[in-house]
């Protein structure tokens, strides 16, 4: 490592445009994070994506992804209504 570096000719890098996401710092309980990471390993999705989907679903159930559990519940309700 040098004792001194010369940044006099340096230029600032390009500022990245917003992609509809904002970087934040958040504290989550260890067991919650572990559960999302386990689920991510099983589904092949990123754990942050799963957290985002869960939060979105809690805000608006209509925009929640269709899961096997939700589909079973809907089918059960529909079959019960017919019989």
N, C-alpha and C. Protein backbone atom coordinates (compact mmCIF):
# COMPACT_ATOMS: atom_id res chain seq x y z
N UNK A 1 0.84 -1.18 0.00
CA UNK A 1 0.00 0.00 0.00
C UNK A 1 0.88 1.24 0.00
N UNK A 2 0.54 2.18 -0.84
CA UNK A 2 1.32 3.41 -0.90
C UNK A 2 1.02 4.28 0.31
N UNK A 3 1.98 5.11 0.64
CA UNK A 3 1.75 6.06 1.73
C UNK A 3 0.82 7.18 1.30
N UNK A 4 0.87 7.52 0.01
CA UNK A 4 0.06 8.62 -0.49
C UNK A 4 -0.42 8.30 -1.91
N UNK A 5 -1.64 8.66 -2.20
CA UNK A 5 -2.23 8.46 -3.52
C UNK A 5 -2.56 9.81 -4.12
N UNK A 6 -2.45 9.92 -5.47
CA UNK A 6 -2.74 11.17 -6.15
C UNK A 6 -4.08 11.06 -6.87
N UNK A 7 -5.08 11.78 -6.36
CA UNK A 7 -6.41 11.78 -6.96
C UNK A 7 -6.68 13.07 -7.73
N UNK A 8 -5.65 13.84 -8.02
CA UNK A 8 -5.84 15.14 -8.66
C UNK A 8 -6.41 15.02 -10.07
N UNK A 9 -6.21 13.90 -10.75
CA UNK A 9 -6.75 13.72 -12.10
C UNK A 9 -7.96 12.80 -12.10
N UNK A 10 -8.42 12.46 -10.94
CA UNK A 10 -9.57 11.56 -10.84
C UNK A 10 -10.86 12.23 -11.27
N UNK A 11 -11.80 11.43 -11.74
CA UNK A 11 -13.12 11.94 -12.10
C UNK A 11 -14.16 11.13 -11.35
N UNK A 12 -15.24 11.78 -11.06
CA UNK A 12 -16.32 11.12 -10.35
C UNK A 12 -17.04 10.17 -11.29
N UNK A 13 -17.40 9.01 -10.81
CA UNK A 13 -18.12 8.04 -11.61
C UNK A 13 -19.54 8.49 -11.89
N UNK A 14 -20.14 7.86 -12.87
CA UNK A 14 -21.52 8.19 -13.24
C UNK A 14 -22.46 7.83 -12.09
N UNK A 15 -23.45 8.65 -11.89
CA UNK A 15 -24.46 8.39 -10.88
C UNK A 15 -25.50 7.46 -11.49
N UNK A 16 -25.79 6.38 -10.78
CA UNK A 16 -26.76 5.42 -11.29
C UNK A 16 -28.17 5.98 -11.18
N UNK A 17 -28.95 5.77 -12.23
CA UNK A 17 -30.34 6.21 -12.19
C UNK A 17 -31.16 5.28 -11.31
N UNK A 18 -32.22 5.80 -10.76
CA UNK A 18 -33.11 5.01 -9.92
C UNK A 18 -33.84 3.96 -10.75
N UNK A 19 -33.93 2.75 -10.22
CA UNK A 19 -34.61 1.67 -10.93
C UNK A 19 -35.93 1.30 -10.26
N UNK A 20 -36.47 2.24 -9.48
CA UNK A 20 -37.72 1.95 -8.78
C UNK A 20 -37.48 1.27 -7.45
N UNK A 21 -36.22 1.21 -7.04
CA UNK A 21 -35.88 0.60 -5.75
C UNK A 21 -35.02 1.58 -4.98
N UNK A 22 -35.11 1.51 -3.66
CA UNK A 22 -34.33 2.38 -2.79
C UNK A 22 -33.57 1.53 -1.79
N UNK A 23 -32.29 1.81 -1.66
CA UNK A 23 -31.47 1.08 -0.69
C UNK A 23 -31.75 1.64 0.70
N UNK A 24 -32.07 0.75 1.64
CA UNK A 24 -32.31 1.16 3.02
C UNK A 24 -31.57 0.20 3.95
N UNK A 25 -31.46 0.60 5.18
CA UNK A 25 -30.94 -0.28 6.22
C UNK A 25 -32.11 -0.64 7.12
N UNK A 26 -32.26 -1.93 7.40
CA UNK A 26 -33.39 -2.39 8.21
C UNK A 26 -32.90 -3.51 9.13
N UNK A 27 -33.38 -3.52 10.34
CA UNK A 27 -33.05 -4.58 11.28
C UNK A 27 -34.19 -5.59 11.30
N UNK A 28 -33.87 -6.85 11.01
CA UNK A 28 -34.83 -7.94 11.06
C UNK A 28 -34.39 -8.94 12.12
N UNK A 29 -35.35 -9.61 12.73
CA UNK A 29 -35.00 -10.64 13.69
C UNK A 29 -34.25 -11.77 12.96
N UNK A 30 -33.30 -12.37 13.66
CA UNK A 30 -32.46 -13.41 13.05
C UNK A 30 -33.28 -14.57 12.50
N UNK A 31 -34.32 -14.99 13.25
CA UNK A 31 -35.12 -16.13 12.79
C UNK A 31 -35.92 -15.78 11.54
N UNK A 32 -36.36 -14.55 11.42
CA UNK A 32 -37.11 -14.12 10.23
C UNK A 32 -36.19 -14.15 9.01
N UNK A 33 -35.01 -13.58 9.16
CA UNK A 33 -34.06 -13.56 8.05
C UNK A 33 -33.65 -14.97 7.66
N UNK A 34 -33.43 -15.83 8.64
CA UNK A 34 -33.07 -17.22 8.35
C UNK A 34 -34.18 -17.93 7.59
N UNK A 35 -35.42 -17.67 7.96
CA UNK A 35 -36.55 -18.30 7.26
C UNK A 35 -36.62 -17.85 5.80
N UNK A 36 -36.41 -16.55 5.56
CA UNK A 36 -36.43 -16.06 4.19
C UNK A 36 -35.26 -16.62 3.38
N UNK A 37 -34.09 -16.74 4.01
CA UNK A 37 -32.93 -17.29 3.31
C UNK A 37 -33.13 -18.77 3.00
N UNK A 38 -33.74 -19.52 3.92
CA UNK A 38 -34.06 -20.93 3.67
C UNK A 38 -35.05 -21.05 2.51
N UNK A 39 -36.07 -20.21 2.54
CA UNK A 39 -37.07 -20.22 1.47
C UNK A 39 -36.43 -19.84 0.13
N UNK A 40 -35.51 -18.90 0.17
CA UNK A 40 -34.81 -18.48 -1.06
C UNK A 40 -34.00 -19.63 -1.63
N UNK A 41 -33.36 -20.40 -0.77
CA UNK A 41 -32.56 -21.54 -1.23
C UNK A 41 -33.45 -22.60 -1.88
N UNK A 42 -34.66 -22.77 -1.38
CA UNK A 42 -35.58 -23.76 -1.92
C UNK A 42 -36.24 -23.31 -3.21
N UNK A 43 -36.53 -22.02 -3.32
CA UNK A 43 -37.27 -21.52 -4.48
C UNK A 43 -36.36 -21.02 -5.60
N UNK A 44 -35.11 -20.71 -5.26
CA UNK A 44 -34.20 -20.17 -6.26
C UNK A 44 -34.34 -18.67 -6.44
N UNK A 45 -35.21 -18.05 -5.65
CA UNK A 45 -35.36 -16.59 -5.68
C UNK A 45 -34.45 -16.00 -4.62
N UNK A 46 -34.14 -14.72 -4.75
CA UNK A 46 -33.35 -14.05 -3.73
C UNK A 46 -34.19 -13.79 -2.49
N UNK A 47 -33.53 -13.82 -1.34
CA UNK A 47 -34.29 -13.60 -0.10
C UNK A 47 -34.86 -12.19 -0.03
N UNK A 48 -34.18 -11.21 -0.61
CA UNK A 48 -34.71 -9.85 -0.60
C UNK A 48 -35.95 -9.76 -1.49
N UNK A 49 -35.96 -10.51 -2.59
CA UNK A 49 -37.13 -10.56 -3.46
C UNK A 49 -38.31 -11.15 -2.70
N UNK A 50 -38.07 -12.21 -1.94
CA UNK A 50 -39.14 -12.83 -1.16
C UNK A 50 -39.68 -11.88 -0.08
N UNK A 51 -38.78 -11.16 0.57
CA UNK A 51 -39.23 -10.18 1.57
C UNK A 51 -40.08 -9.11 0.90
N UNK A 52 -39.63 -8.63 -0.27
CA UNK A 52 -40.37 -7.61 -1.01
C UNK A 52 -41.76 -8.12 -1.41
N UNK A 53 -41.84 -9.36 -1.89
CA UNK A 53 -43.13 -9.94 -2.27
C UNK A 53 -44.06 -10.06 -1.07
N UNK A 54 -43.50 -10.46 0.07
CA UNK A 54 -44.30 -10.60 1.28
C UNK A 54 -44.84 -9.25 1.74
N UNK A 55 -43.99 -8.24 1.72
CA UNK A 55 -44.44 -6.90 2.10
C UNK A 55 -45.49 -6.37 1.13
N UNK A 56 -45.28 -6.59 -0.16
CA UNK A 56 -46.26 -6.14 -1.16
C UNK A 56 -47.60 -6.84 -0.94
N UNK A 57 -47.57 -8.12 -0.66
CA UNK A 57 -48.79 -8.88 -0.43
C UNK A 57 -49.55 -8.41 0.80
N UNK A 58 -48.82 -7.96 1.81
CA UNK A 58 -49.49 -7.49 3.01
C UNK A 58 -50.15 -6.13 2.79
N UNK A 59 -49.63 -5.37 1.83
CA UNK A 59 -50.23 -4.07 1.53
C UNK A 59 -51.46 -4.20 0.66
N UNK A 60 -51.39 -5.12 -0.30
CA UNK A 60 -52.49 -5.29 -1.24
C UNK A 60 -52.59 -6.77 -1.60
N UNK A 61 -53.52 -7.50 -1.01
CA UNK A 61 -53.64 -8.93 -1.30
C UNK A 61 -53.83 -9.23 -2.79
N UNK A 62 -54.37 -8.29 -3.55
CA UNK A 62 -54.58 -8.52 -4.98
C UNK A 62 -53.27 -8.61 -5.74
N UNK A 63 -52.21 -7.99 -5.24
CA UNK A 63 -50.94 -8.00 -5.96
C UNK A 63 -50.00 -9.08 -5.45
N UNK A 64 -50.45 -9.89 -4.48
CA UNK A 64 -49.61 -10.95 -3.95
C UNK A 64 -49.45 -12.07 -4.98
N UNK A 65 -48.27 -12.69 -5.01
CA UNK A 65 -48.08 -13.80 -5.95
C UNK A 65 -48.96 -14.99 -5.54
N UNK A 66 -49.41 -15.74 -6.52
CA UNK A 66 -50.25 -16.90 -6.26
C UNK A 66 -49.37 -18.05 -5.79
N UNK A 67 -49.58 -18.47 -4.57
CA UNK A 67 -48.81 -19.58 -4.01
C UNK A 67 -49.66 -20.84 -4.02
N UNK A 68 -49.02 -21.97 -3.79
CA UNK A 68 -49.74 -23.25 -3.74
C UNK A 68 -50.76 -23.23 -2.60
N UNK A 69 -50.40 -22.65 -1.48
CA UNK A 69 -51.32 -22.59 -0.34
C UNK A 69 -52.55 -21.75 -0.68
N UNK A 70 -52.34 -20.63 -1.34
CA UNK A 70 -53.47 -19.77 -1.73
C UNK A 70 -54.36 -20.48 -2.73
N UNK A 71 -53.75 -21.16 -3.69
CA UNK A 71 -54.52 -21.89 -4.69
C UNK A 71 -55.34 -23.00 -4.05
N UNK A 72 -54.75 -23.73 -3.10
CA UNK A 72 -55.50 -24.79 -2.40
C UNK A 72 -56.70 -24.20 -1.66
N UNK A 73 -56.50 -23.05 -1.01
CA UNK A 73 -57.58 -22.41 -0.27
C UNK A 73 -58.72 -22.01 -1.21
N UNK A 74 -58.36 -21.42 -2.35
CA UNK A 74 -59.38 -21.00 -3.32
C UNK A 74 -60.14 -22.20 -3.86
N UNK A 75 -59.41 -23.25 -4.23
CA UNK A 75 -60.06 -24.45 -4.76
C UNK A 75 -60.98 -25.09 -3.72
N UNK A 76 -60.51 -25.13 -2.48
CA UNK A 76 -61.34 -25.69 -1.40
C UNK A 76 -62.63 -24.89 -1.24
N UNK A 77 -62.52 -23.57 -1.26
CA UNK A 77 -63.71 -22.72 -1.11
C UNK A 77 -64.66 -22.90 -2.29
N UNK A 78 -64.13 -22.98 -3.49
CA UNK A 78 -64.97 -23.13 -4.68
C UNK A 78 -65.64 -24.50 -4.71
N UNK A 79 -64.90 -25.55 -4.38
CA UNK A 79 -65.48 -26.89 -4.37
C UNK A 79 -66.54 -27.03 -3.29
N UNK A 80 -66.28 -26.40 -2.15
CA UNK A 80 -67.26 -26.44 -1.06
C UNK A 80 -68.54 -25.70 -1.46
N UNK A 81 -68.41 -24.62 -2.19
CA UNK A 81 -69.58 -23.85 -2.63
C UNK A 81 -70.43 -24.63 -3.63
N UNK A 82 -69.83 -25.49 -4.43
CA UNK A 82 -70.53 -26.26 -5.45
C UNK A 82 -71.25 -27.45 -4.83
N UNK A 83 -70.66 -28.05 -3.83
CA UNK A 83 -71.27 -29.29 -3.25
C UNK A 83 -72.33 -29.03 -2.24
